[in-house]
């Protein structure tokens, strides 16, 4: 997980507790997604090779973004929306 986060965001993190999990449909079956709280230790936030941009966002900004289906609702349910 640490390697993947570094590749996708440029950040080095310490992985913390599991905060939630969801199952989403995929072309070849289902994705079982497990989300963890992470603490940023170093690095500079940047998009990975599969994204055009990346940014930190407050809850208000997050609510205006085109997100993966159900992401905002899952973060709200888990009590993990960003701080204002």
C-alpha atoms as a PDB file:
ATOM      1  CA  UNK A   1       0.000   0.000   0.000  1.00  0.00           C
ATOM      2  CA  UNK A   2       2.833   2.405   0.831  1.00  0.00           C
ATOM      3  CA  UNK A   3       4.443   1.767  -2.573  1.00  0.00           C
ATOM      4  CA  UNK A   4       1.166   2.221  -4.444  1.00  0.00           C
ATOM      5  CA  UNK A   5       0.375   5.495  -2.687  1.00  0.00           C
ATOM      6  CA  UNK A   6       3.882   6.792  -3.442  1.00  0.00           C
ATOM      7  CA  UNK A   7       3.513   5.864  -7.140  1.00  0.00           C
ATOM      8  CA  UNK A   8       0.023   7.354  -7.463  1.00  0.00           C
ATOM      9  CA  UNK A   9       0.462  10.534  -5.388  1.00  0.00           C
ATOM     10  CA  UNK A  10       4.151  11.210  -4.729  1.00  0.00           C
ATOM     11  CA  UNK A  11       3.512  10.963  -0.984  1.00  0.00           C
ATOM     12  CA  UNK A  12       5.193   8.716   1.566  1.00  0.00           C
ATOM     13  CA  UNK A  13       2.670   7.617   4.186  1.00  0.00           C
ATOM     14  CA  UNK A  14       2.277   5.537   7.289  1.00  0.00           C
ATOM     15  CA  UNK A  15      -0.762   3.293   6.939  1.00  0.00           C
ATOM     16  CA  UNK A  16      -3.202   3.361   9.828  1.00  0.00           C
ATOM     17  CA  UNK A  17      -6.527   1.749  10.661  1.00  0.00           C
ATOM     18  CA  UNK A  18      -9.071   0.356   8.222  1.00  0.00           C
ATOM     19  CA  UNK A  19     -11.831   2.978   7.967  1.00  0.00           C
ATOM     20  CA  UNK A  20     -14.233   1.206   5.616  1.00  0.00           C
ATOM     21  CA  UNK A  21     -14.734  -1.130   2.711  1.00  0.00           C
ATOM     22  CA  UNK A  22     -17.043  -1.320  -0.291  1.00  0.00           C
ATOM     23  CA  UNK A  23     -17.652  -3.663  -3.197  1.00  0.00           C
ATOM     24  CA  UNK A  24     -18.091  -2.106  -6.639  1.00  0.00           C
ATOM     25  CA  UNK A  25     -18.973  -3.698  -9.987  1.00  0.00           C
ATOM     26  CA  UNK A  26     -16.228  -4.071 -12.581  1.00  0.00           C
ATOM     27  CA  UNK A  27     -16.163  -5.280 -16.184  1.00  0.00           C
ATOM     28  CA  UNK A  28     -14.833  -8.685 -15.129  1.00  0.00           C
ATOM     29  CA  UNK A  29     -16.569  -9.120 -11.772  1.00  0.00           C
ATOM     30  CA  UNK A  30     -16.342  -7.067  -8.579  1.00  0.00           C
ATOM     31  CA  UNK A  31     -13.762  -4.839  -6.903  1.00  0.00           C
ATOM     32  CA  UNK A  32     -13.463  -5.273  -3.139  1.00  0.00           C
ATOM     33  CA  UNK A  33     -12.056  -1.926  -1.934  1.00  0.00           C
ATOM     34  CA  UNK A  34     -10.546  -1.438   1.539  1.00  0.00           C
ATOM     35  CA  UNK A  35      -9.806   2.153   2.621  1.00  0.00           C
ATOM     36  CA  UNK A  36      -7.281   2.998   5.328  1.00  0.00           C
ATOM     37  CA  UNK A  37      -6.435   6.174   7.210  1.00  0.00           C
ATOM     38  CA  UNK A  38      -2.904   7.271   6.334  1.00  0.00           C
ATOM     39  CA  UNK A  39      -0.542   9.873   7.759  1.00  0.00           C
ATOM     40  CA  UNK A  40       1.600  11.782   5.244  1.00  0.00           C
ATOM     41  CA  UNK A  41       5.277  11.599   6.225  1.00  0.00           C
ATOM     42  CA  UNK A  42       6.956  13.269   3.238  1.00  0.00           C
ATOM     43  CA  UNK A  43       6.742  13.923  -0.476  1.00  0.00           C
ATOM     44  CA  UNK A  44       5.066  16.418  -2.768  1.00  0.00           C
ATOM     45  CA  UNK A  45       1.486  15.770  -3.887  1.00  0.00           C
ATOM     46  CA  UNK A  46       1.376  15.084  -7.648  1.00  0.00           C
ATOM     47  CA  UNK A  47      -0.846  13.059  -9.985  1.00  0.00           C
ATOM     48  CA  UNK A  48       0.226   9.559 -10.988  1.00  0.00           C
ATOM     49  CA  UNK A  49       0.390   8.444 -14.608  1.00  0.00           C
ATOM     50  CA  UNK A  50      -3.338   7.601 -14.673  1.00  0.00           C
ATOM     51  CA  UNK A  51      -4.606  11.010 -13.476  1.00  0.00           C
ATOM     52  CA  UNK A  52      -4.535  14.506 -14.925  1.00  0.00           C
ATOM     53  CA  UNK A  53      -4.625  16.340 -11.596  1.00  0.00           C
ATOM     54  CA  UNK A  54      -4.594  15.863  -7.838  1.00  0.00           C
ATOM     55  CA  UNK A  55      -5.435  18.222  -4.978  1.00  0.00           C
ATOM     56  CA  UNK A  56      -6.290  18.492  -1.318  1.00  0.00           C
ATOM     57  CA  UNK A  57      -9.977  19.318  -0.842  1.00  0.00           C
ATOM     58  CA  UNK A  58     -12.271  20.438   1.945  1.00  0.00           C
ATOM     59  CA  UNK A  59     -15.664  18.781   2.369  1.00  0.00           C
ATOM     60  CA  UNK A  60     -17.315  21.709   0.542  1.00  0.00           C
ATOM     61  CA  UNK A  61     -14.995  21.353  -2.468  1.00  0.00           C
ATOM     62  CA  UNK A  62     -15.264  17.555  -2.438  1.00  0.00           C
ATOM     63  CA  UNK A  63     -19.060  17.834  -2.699  1.00  0.00           C
ATOM     64  CA  UNK A  64     -18.672  19.719  -6.016  1.00  0.00           C
ATOM     65  CA  UNK A  65     -16.301  17.250  -7.694  1.00  0.00           C
ATOM     66  CA  UNK A  66     -17.193  14.476 -10.132  1.00  0.00           C
ATOM     67  CA  UNK A  67     -16.296  11.515  -7.909  1.00  0.00           C
ATOM     68  CA  UNK A  68     -16.482   7.769  -8.300  1.00  0.00           C
ATOM     69  CA  UNK A  69     -20.039   6.644  -7.721  1.00  0.00           C
ATOM     70  CA  UNK A  70     -20.781   6.446  -3.991  1.00  0.00           C
ATOM     71  CA  UNK A  71     -17.410   7.806  -2.780  1.00  0.00           C
ATOM     72  CA  UNK A  72     -18.760  10.924  -1.062  1.00  0.00           C
ATOM     73  CA  UNK A  73     -21.531   8.930   0.618  1.00  0.00           C
ATOM     74  CA  UNK A  74     -19.098   6.248   1.828  1.00  0.00           C
ATOM     75  CA  UNK A  75     -16.713   8.844   3.297  1.00  0.00           C
ATOM     76  CA  UNK A  76     -19.650  10.541   5.057  1.00  0.00           C
ATOM     77  CA  UNK A  77     -20.954   7.216   6.412  1.00  0.00           C
ATOM     78  CA  UNK A  78     -17.498   6.296   7.730  1.00  0.00           C
ATOM     79  CA  UNK A  79     -17.068   9.752   9.352  1.00  0.00           C
ATOM     80  CA  UNK A  80     -14.065  10.422   7.100  1.00  0.00           C
ATOM     81  CA  UNK A  81     -14.993  13.530   5.123  1.00  0.00           C
ATOM     82  CA  UNK A  82     -12.127  16.045   5.069  1.00  0.00           C
ATOM     83  CA  UNK A  83     -11.970  18.763   7.662  1.00  0.00           C
ATOM     84  CA  UNK A  84     -13.043  22.234   6.560  1.00  0.00           C
END
